[in-house]
Every structure is written in C-alpha cells, then in structure tokens.
Amino acid sequence: MKGNRTFNTKRFAVRETNRTNWIKNLSEACKGRIPWNKGTKGLQIPWNKGLTGPGQSFYGKKHAPEYYIKRDSTVFERYGIKYATELTKSSPRSQKEKSLEKFLSSDYKTNVRIGKFKPDYVNEITKHIIEVYGDYWHCNPTKFSADYYNSKLRKTAQEKWDYDERRIAYLESLGYTVSIIWESKLPMFVEEQTALLV
C-alpha cells in the first residue's frame, strides 16, 4: 500500500493510537476473567457428546399446545394452509400424486398428524385415509421378496410390511378407514377415475 500511493502518516498514526487504546480498554475490561478455553488443546468436545436419550436436555419433553396453535395460525396467515405439516411433502412422489389430487375433494388434507403418524391424505369428515406407497420405500410384495434387505430403511421387506401393518392397525383403531394405492398402480387408478368422469 505504501509503494502504490502516497503514505498518509497522520492517518496511520491515528489508526495505531486507536488500535492501542482499544486493546488497552479491552484488556482492562477482561482483567481477572479466566478464558473459557484456558488450558485446553485441540478441538473442544460438545457438552452433549455421547449423551443418549435421557442425557439430552430436551429428551422426553414436548412443546406446549399453544406453540402448535401459534405455528399453525402463522402458517395459515402467510401461506393459506391450515396445517404447518402440509408444507412438507416428499418431492419425488409429489409429481405422481398431482394426478391423483385432481380427483380428491377439498376435504382431503395432506400430511395431517394423527397420533405419531402423518398419513398422505386425510378426510376428517368421512374419517378416510388414502396412503400412496412407494414401491421401493414400502417394498412392494409384487417386486420384492420377504427377505430382501432395504439398505436405506435398514430393514428387510418383511420387517417393513409388519411395521406398515401396525401403522394401519393403529389408524383403524382410531376410527379411520385406510385405502392404499401402490406407486406402480397409481397411473392405472388415475385412468379408471378419468374414465368414470367421461
């Protein structure tokens, strides 16, 4: 910088004075304080490293009901959607489901939480649920054998089927009727619905 243009000695002197005063004031303010990392070497270990379940501070706790009410009202004001969970939808499947949504009434809501589950389409008036099962993610029995191991799910196909059966049984115990449409049969279902309208 000095070689490229005329060096302003006055400006440099003011900067150095300000710098020394700033360091002096900071050191005075911090006098007697012990730095948080004094005596430590290398990367610091987080306080919750290795703590499982009950060791975590928020483990077993839930938000107050007011939190969910406020969240859903904010989402409705901003986006015109009744539930915040409607904003989340798996993108690969959503393109195929758009063709199905044309035939569903406005009473069907997407990804509404029922207990610990979020079904694909829920009609609270008729207590009807429509689930669209992906062939890969739900291990379609026509394509996969029971002992097939899904590395993404870290489960065998039989384990996934058992889980889905328990899920459906839980929803039915709450008074819902559950209809399942497989991803591979979705285009055929849409064609049938289109033929009924013609």
C-alpha atoms as a PDB file:
ATOM      1  CA  MET A   1       0.000   0.000   0.000  1.00  0.00           C
ATOM      2  CA  LYS A   2       2.837   2.367   0.863  1.00  0.00           C
ATOM      3  CA  GLY A   3       4.502   1.885  -2.540  1.00  0.00           C
ATOM      4  CA  ASN A   4       1.305   2.288  -4.608  1.00  0.00           C
ATOM      5  CA  ARG A   5       0.238   5.661  -3.298  1.00  0.00           C
ATOM      6  CA  THR A   6       1.388   8.449  -1.013  1.00  0.00           C
ATOM      7  CA  PHE A   7       1.531   7.163   2.542  1.00  0.00           C
ATOM      8  CA  ASN A   8      -0.601   9.251   4.892  1.00  0.00           C
ATOM      9  CA  THR A   9       1.465   9.327   8.079  1.00  0.00           C
ATOM     10  CA  LYS A  10      -1.132  11.286  10.034  1.00  0.00           C
ATOM     11  CA  ARG A  11      -3.917   8.805   9.230  1.00  0.00           C
ATOM     12  CA  PHE A  12      -1.636   5.853  10.080  1.00  0.00           C
ATOM     13  CA  ALA A  13      -0.727   7.423  13.442  1.00  0.00           C
ATOM     14  CA  VAL A  14      -4.421   7.916  14.350  1.00  0.00           C
ATOM     15  CA  ARG A  15      -5.168   4.283  13.448  1.00  0.00           C
ATOM     16  CA  GLU A  16      -2.305   2.990  15.588  1.00  0.00           C
ATOM     17  CA  THR A  17      -3.398   5.158  18.550  1.00  0.00           C
ATOM     18  CA  ASN A  18      -6.978   3.932  18.271  1.00  0.00           C
ATOM     19  CA  ARG A  19      -5.775   0.343  17.999  1.00  0.00           C
ATOM     20  CA  THR A  20      -3.577   0.529  21.107  1.00  0.00           C
ATOM     21  CA  ASN A  21      -6.356   2.273  23.072  1.00  0.00           C
ATOM     22  CA  TRP A  22      -8.861  -0.386  22.017  1.00  0.00           C
ATOM     23  CA  ILE A  23      -6.525  -3.210  23.109  1.00  0.00           C
ATOM     24  CA  LYS A  24      -5.833  -1.417  26.394  1.00  0.00           C
ATOM     25  CA  ASN A  25      -9.536  -0.894  27.148  1.00  0.00           C
ATOM     26  CA  LEU A  26     -10.342  -4.493  26.263  1.00  0.00           C
ATOM     27  CA  SER A  27      -7.590  -5.858  28.478  1.00  0.00           C
ATOM     28  CA  GLU A  28      -8.792  -3.632  31.363  1.00  0.00           C
ATOM     29  CA  ALA A  29     -12.367  -4.899  30.921  1.00  0.00           C
ATOM     30  CA  CYS A  30     -11.241  -8.517  30.851  1.00  0.00           C
ATOM     31  CA  LYS A  31      -8.819  -8.232  33.777  1.00  0.00           C
ATOM     32  CA  GLY A  32      -9.282 -11.105  36.216  1.00  0.00           C
ATOM     33  CA  ARG A  33     -11.511 -13.122  33.899  1.00  0.00           C
ATOM     34  CA  ILE A  34     -10.467 -16.683  33.099  1.00  0.00           C
ATOM     35  CA  PRO A  35     -10.900 -17.575  29.422  1.00  0.00           C
ATOM     36  CA  TRP A  36     -13.433 -20.370  28.834  1.00  0.00           C
ATOM     37  CA  ASN A  37     -10.843 -22.437  26.918  1.00  0.00           C
ATOM     38  CA  LYS A  38      -7.835 -21.890  29.200  1.00  0.00           C
ATOM     39  CA  GLY A  39      -5.685 -24.999  29.424  1.00  0.00           C
ATOM     40  CA  THR A  40      -7.495 -26.849  26.642  1.00  0.00           C
ATOM     41  CA  LYS A  41      -5.849 -28.097  23.480  1.00  0.00           C
ATOM     42  CA  GLY A  42      -7.241 -29.085  20.098  1.00  0.00           C
ATOM     43  CA  LEU A  43     -10.908 -29.329  19.190  1.00  0.00           C
ATOM     44  CA  GLN A  44     -13.394 -28.806  22.015  1.00  0.00           C
ATOM     45  CA  ILE A  45     -15.849 -31.623  22.815  1.00  0.00           C
ATOM     46  CA  PRO A  46     -19.520 -30.559  22.919  1.00  0.00           C
ATOM     47  CA  TRP A  47     -21.220 -30.852  26.302  1.00  0.00           C
ATOM     48  CA  ASN A  48     -23.767 -33.381  24.942  1.00  0.00           C
ATOM     49  CA  LYS A  49     -21.290 -35.609  23.084  1.00  0.00           C
ATOM     50  CA  GLY A  50     -22.088 -39.248  23.758  1.00  0.00           C
ATOM     51  CA  LEU A  51     -25.224 -38.478  25.776  1.00  0.00           C
ATOM     52  CA  THR A  52     -28.057 -40.725  24.677  1.00  0.00           C
ATOM     53  CA  GLY A  53     -31.743 -40.234  25.303  1.00  0.00           C
ATOM     54  CA  PRO A  54     -32.267 -39.114  28.922  1.00  0.00           C
ATOM     55  CA  GLY A  55     -28.929 -37.283  28.968  1.00  0.00           C
ATOM     56  CA  GLN A  56     -30.150 -34.770  26.392  1.00  0.00           C
ATOM     57  CA  SER A  57     -31.741 -31.615  27.801  1.00  0.00           C
ATOM     58  CA  PHE A  58     -34.926 -31.751  25.663  1.00  0.00           C
ATOM     59  CA  TYR A  59     -35.386 -35.534  25.874  1.00  0.00           C
ATOM     60  CA  GLY A  60     -38.960 -36.578  26.646  1.00  0.00           C
ATOM     61  CA  LYS A  61     -40.234 -33.009  26.591  1.00  0.00           C
ATOM     62  CA  LYS A  62     -42.889 -31.651  24.230  1.00  0.00           C
ATOM     63  CA  HIS A  63     -43.853 -28.182  23.125  1.00  0.00           C
ATOM     64  CA  ALA A  64     -46.839 -26.647  24.879  1.00  0.00           C
ATOM     65  CA  PRO A  65     -50.154 -26.846  22.945  1.00  0.00           C
ATOM     66  CA  GLU A  66     -50.013 -23.052  22.477  1.00  0.00           C
ATOM     67  CA  TYR A  67     -46.857 -23.482  20.390  1.00  0.00           C
ATOM     68  CA  TYR A  68     -48.661 -25.628  17.785  1.00  0.00           C
ATOM     69  CA  ILE A  69     -51.667 -23.288  17.696  1.00  0.00           C
ATOM     70  CA  LYS A  70     -49.440 -20.270  17.112  1.00  0.00           C
ATOM     71  CA  ARG A  71     -47.365 -22.129  14.491  1.00  0.00           C
ATOM     72  CA  ASP A  72     -50.416 -23.253  12.514  1.00  0.00           C
ATOM     73  CA  SER A  73     -52.040 -19.803  12.656  1.00  0.00           C
ATOM     74  CA  THR A  74     -48.821 -18.187  11.383  1.00  0.00           C
ATOM     75  CA  VAL A  75     -48.587 -20.685   8.513  1.00  0.00           C
ATOM     76  CA  PHE A  76     -52.255 -20.071   7.624  1.00  0.00           C
ATOM     77  CA  GLU A  77     -51.728 -16.283   7.567  1.00  0.00           C
ATOM     78  CA  ARG A  78     -48.600 -16.494   5.416  1.00  0.00           C
ATOM     79  CA  TYR A  79     -49.390 -19.366   3.058  1.00  0.00           C
ATOM     80  CA  GLY A  80     -53.136 -20.027   3.356  1.00  0.00           C
ATOM     81  CA  ILE A  81     -52.507 -23.588   4.566  1.00  0.00           C
ATOM     82  CA  LYS A  82     -54.359 -24.969   7.581  1.00  0.00           C
ATOM     83  CA  TYR A  83     -51.557 -27.146   8.964  1.00  0.00           C
ATOM     84  CA  ALA A  84     -47.819 -26.442   9.009  1.00  0.00           C
ATOM     85  CA  THR A  85     -47.179 -30.099   8.186  1.00  0.00           C
ATOM     86  CA  GLU A  86     -48.823 -29.587   4.779  1.00  0.00           C
ATOM     87  CA  LEU A  87     -45.717 -27.652   3.700  1.00  0.00           C
ATOM     88  CA  THR A  88     -43.570 -30.787   3.951  1.00  0.00           C
ATOM     89  CA  LYS A  89     -44.057 -33.309   1.173  1.00  0.00           C
ATOM     90  CA  SER A  90     -41.651 -35.784  -0.353  1.00  0.00           C
ATOM     91  CA  SER A  91     -40.661 -34.293  -3.729  1.00  0.00           C
ATOM     92  CA  PRO A  92     -40.023 -37.451  -5.829  1.00  0.00           C
ATOM     93  CA  ARG A  93     -43.506 -38.778  -5.198  1.00  0.00           C
ATOM     94  CA  SER A  94     -45.355 -35.452  -5.298  1.00  0.00           C
ATOM     95  CA  GLN A  95     -45.176 -35.227  -9.111  1.00  0.00           C
ATOM     96  CA  LYS A  96     -47.043 -38.522  -9.490  1.00  0.00           C
ATOM     97  CA  GLU A  97     -49.511 -37.605  -6.786  1.00  0.00           C
ATOM     98  CA  LYS A  98     -50.559 -34.393  -8.541  1.00  0.00           C
ATOM     99  CA  SER A  99     -52.534 -36.513 -10.983  1.00  0.00           C
ATOM    100  CA  LEU A 100     -54.318 -38.172  -8.040  1.00  0.00           C
ATOM    101  CA  GLU A 101     -55.071 -34.909  -6.231  1.00  0.00           C
ATOM    102  CA  LYS A 102     -57.289 -33.779  -9.121  1.00  0.00           C
ATOM    103  CA  PHE A 103     -59.840 -36.451  -8.142  1.00  0.00           C
ATOM    104  CA  LEU A 104     -59.790 -35.789  -4.395  1.00  0.00           C
ATOM    105  CA  SER A 105     -62.252 -33.393  -2.795  1.00  0.00           C
ATOM    106  CA  SER A 106     -61.033 -30.311  -0.949  1.00  0.00           C
ATOM    107  CA  ASP A 107     -61.850 -32.084   2.330  1.00  0.00           C
ATOM    108  CA  TYR A 108     -58.684 -34.188   1.959  1.00  0.00           C
ATOM    109  CA  LYS A 109     -55.704 -32.634   3.710  1.00  0.00           C
ATOM    110  CA  THR A 110     -52.102 -33.710   3.162  1.00  0.00           C
ATOM    111  CA  ASN A 111     -49.734 -34.918   5.876  1.00  0.00           C
ATOM    112  CA  VAL A 112     -52.021 -34.212   8.836  1.00  0.00           C
ATOM    113  CA  ARG A 113     -50.578 -35.593  12.040  1.00  0.00           C
ATOM    114  CA  ILE A 114     -52.656 -38.341  13.638  1.00  0.00           C
ATOM    115  CA  GLY A 115     -51.022 -39.538  16.829  1.00  0.00           C
ATOM    116  CA  LYS A 116     -47.409 -40.222  15.891  1.00  0.00           C
ATOM    117  CA  PHE A 117     -48.084 -40.691  12.147  1.00  0.00           C
ATOM    118  CA  LYS A 118     -48.602 -38.391   9.160  1.00  0.00           C
ATOM    119  CA  PRO A 119     -50.741 -40.121   6.517  1.00  0.00           C
ATOM    120  CA  ASP A 120     -50.664 -38.842   2.922  1.00  0.00           C
ATOM    121  CA  TYR A 121     -54.322 -37.760   2.597  1.00  0.00           C
ATOM    122  CA  VAL A 122     -56.807 -37.437   5.439  1.00  0.00           C
ATOM    123  CA  ASN A 123     -60.509 -36.621   5.263  1.00  0.00           C
ATOM    124  CA  GLU A 124     -61.544 -35.712   8.811  1.00  0.00           C
ATOM    125  CA  ILE A 125     -65.249 -35.550   7.864  1.00  0.00           C
ATOM    126  CA  THR A 126     -65.549 -39.087   6.478  1.00  0.00           C
ATOM    127  CA  LYS A 127     -62.620 -40.415   8.591  1.00  0.00           C
ATOM    128  CA  HIS A 128     -60.977 -41.758   5.423  1.00  0.00           C
ATOM    129  CA  ILE A 129     -57.218 -42.013   4.795  1.00  0.00           C
ATOM    130  CA  ILE A 130     -55.501 -42.546   1.443  1.00  0.00           C
ATOM    131  CA  GLU A 131     -51.913 -43.760   1.539  1.00  0.00           C
ATOM    132  CA  VAL A 132     -49.698 -43.771  -1.569  1.00  0.00           C
ATOM    133  CA  TYR A 133     -46.995 -46.376  -1.041  1.00  0.00           C
ATOM    134  CA  GLY A 134     -43.759 -46.093  -2.995  1.00  0.00           C
ATOM    135  CA  ASP A 135     -42.694 -49.431  -4.481  1.00  0.00           C
ATOM    136  CA  TYR A 136     -39.132 -49.089  -3.192  1.00  0.00           C
ATOM    137  CA  TRP A 137     -39.740 -47.435   0.188  1.00  0.00           C
ATOM    138  CA  HIS A 138     -42.548 -49.819   1.167  1.00  0.00           C
ATOM    139  CA  CYS A 139     -41.058 -52.875  -0.584  1.00  0.00           C
ATOM    140  CA  ASN A 140     -43.922 -53.750  -2.939  1.00  0.00           C
ATOM    141  CA  PRO A 141     -44.606 -57.511  -2.440  1.00  0.00           C
ATOM    142  CA  THR A 142     -45.019 -57.973  -6.213  1.00  0.00           C
ATOM    143  CA  LYS A 143     -41.451 -56.723  -6.749  1.00  0.00           C
ATOM    144  CA  PHE A 144     -39.534 -57.725  -3.612  1.00  0.00           C
ATOM    145  CA  SER A 145     -39.257 -60.955  -1.637  1.00  0.00           C
ATOM    146  CA  ALA A 146     -39.759 -61.065   2.134  1.00  0.00           C
ATOM    147  CA  ASP A 147     -36.014 -61.497   2.839  1.00  0.00           C
ATOM    148  CA  TYR A 148     -34.987 -58.525   0.637  1.00  0.00           C
ATOM    149  CA  TYR A 149     -32.861 -56.086   2.680  1.00  0.00           C
ATOM    150  CA  ASN A 150     -33.527 -52.402   2.013  1.00  0.00           C
ATOM    151  CA  SER A 151     -30.252 -50.628   2.795  1.00  0.00           C
ATOM    152  CA  LYS A 152     -31.911 -47.198   3.015  1.00  0.00           C
ATOM    153  CA  LEU A 153     -34.521 -48.353   5.530  1.00  0.00           C
ATOM    154  CA  ARG A 154     -32.069 -50.754   7.201  1.00  0.00           C
ATOM    155  CA  LYS A 155     -34.877 -53.298   7.332  1.00  0.00           C
ATOM    156  CA  THR A 156     -35.929 -56.403   5.499  1.00  0.00           C
ATOM    157  CA  ALA A 157     -39.076 -56.246   3.396  1.00  0.00           C
ATOM    158  CA  GLN A 158     -40.907 -58.407   5.952  1.00  0.00           C
ATOM    159  CA  GLU A 159     -39.983 -56.002   8.767  1.00  0.00           C
ATOM    160  CA  LYS A 160     -41.279 -53.063   6.712  1.00  0.00           C
ATOM    161  CA  TRP A 161     -44.549 -54.877   5.943  1.00  0.00           C
ATOM    162  CA  ASP A 162     -45.015 -55.677   9.646  1.00  0.00           C
ATOM    163  CA  TYR A 163     -44.390 -52.025  10.527  1.00  0.00           C
ATOM    164  CA  ASP A 164     -46.902 -50.827   7.917  1.00  0.00           C
ATOM    165  CA  GLU A 165     -49.493 -53.314   9.228  1.00  0.00           C
ATOM    166  CA  ARG A 166     -49.064 -51.991  12.777  1.00  0.00           C
ATOM    167  CA  ARG A 167     -49.368 -48.430  11.464  1.00  0.00           C
ATOM    168  CA  ILE A 168     -52.617 -49.190   9.614  1.00  0.00           C
ATOM    169  CA  ALA A 169     -54.000 -51.078  12.639  1.00  0.00           C
ATOM    170  CA  TYR A 170     -53.274 -48.044  14.822  1.00  0.00           C
ATOM    171  CA  LEU A 171     -55.057 -45.658  12.433  1.00  0.00           C
ATOM    172  CA  GLU A 172     -58.033 -48.017  12.135  1.00  0.00           C
ATOM    173  CA  SER A 173     -58.232 -48.257  15.936  1.00  0.00           C
ATOM    174  CA  LEU A 174     -58.874 -44.500  15.936  1.00  0.00           C
ATOM    175  CA  GLY A 175     -61.895 -44.997  13.652  1.00  0.00           C
ATOM    176  CA  TYR A 176     -60.284 -44.284  10.259  1.00  0.00           C
ATOM    177  CA  THR A 177     -60.632 -46.402   7.138  1.00  0.00           C
ATOM    178  CA  VAL A 178     -57.342 -46.726   5.242  1.00  0.00           C
ATOM    179  CA  SER A 179     -57.003 -47.163   1.453  1.00  0.00           C
ATOM    180  CA  ILE A 180     -53.596 -47.995  -0.037  1.00  0.00           C
ATOM    181  CA  ILE A 181     -52.531 -47.174  -3.601  1.00  0.00           C
ATOM    182  CA  TRP A 182     -49.177 -48.503  -4.775  1.00  0.00           C
ATOM    183  CA  GLU A 183     -46.961 -46.195  -6.812  1.00  0.00           C
ATOM    184  CA  SER A 184     -46.860 -48.615  -9.763  1.00  0.00           C
ATOM    185  CA  LYS A 185     -50.680 -48.818  -9.844  1.00  0.00           C
ATOM    186  CA  LEU A 186     -51.237 -45.079  -9.478  1.00  0.00           C
ATOM    187  CA  PRO A 187     -51.417 -44.337 -13.269  1.00  0.00           C
ATOM    188  CA  MET A 188     -53.955 -47.167 -13.698  1.00  0.00           C
ATOM    189  CA  PHE A 189     -56.028 -45.777 -10.810  1.00  0.00           C
ATOM    190  CA  VAL A 190     -55.988 -42.284 -12.354  1.00  0.00           C
ATOM    191  CA  GLU A 191     -57.108 -43.722 -15.729  1.00  0.00           C
ATOM    192  CA  GLU A 192     -60.023 -45.502 -14.049  1.00  0.00           C
ATOM    193  CA  GLN A 193     -61.094 -42.309 -12.301  1.00  0.00           C
ATOM    194  CA  THR A 194     -60.803 -40.348 -15.575  1.00  0.00           C
ATOM    195  CA  ALA A 195     -62.976 -42.957 -17.367  1.00  0.00           C
ATOM    196  CA  LEU A 196     -65.654 -42.607 -14.656  1.00  0.00           C
ATOM    197  CA  LEU A 197     -65.822 -38.849 -15.210  1.00  0.00           C
ATOM    198  CA  VAL A 198     -66.264 -39.181 -19.013  1.00  0.00           C
END
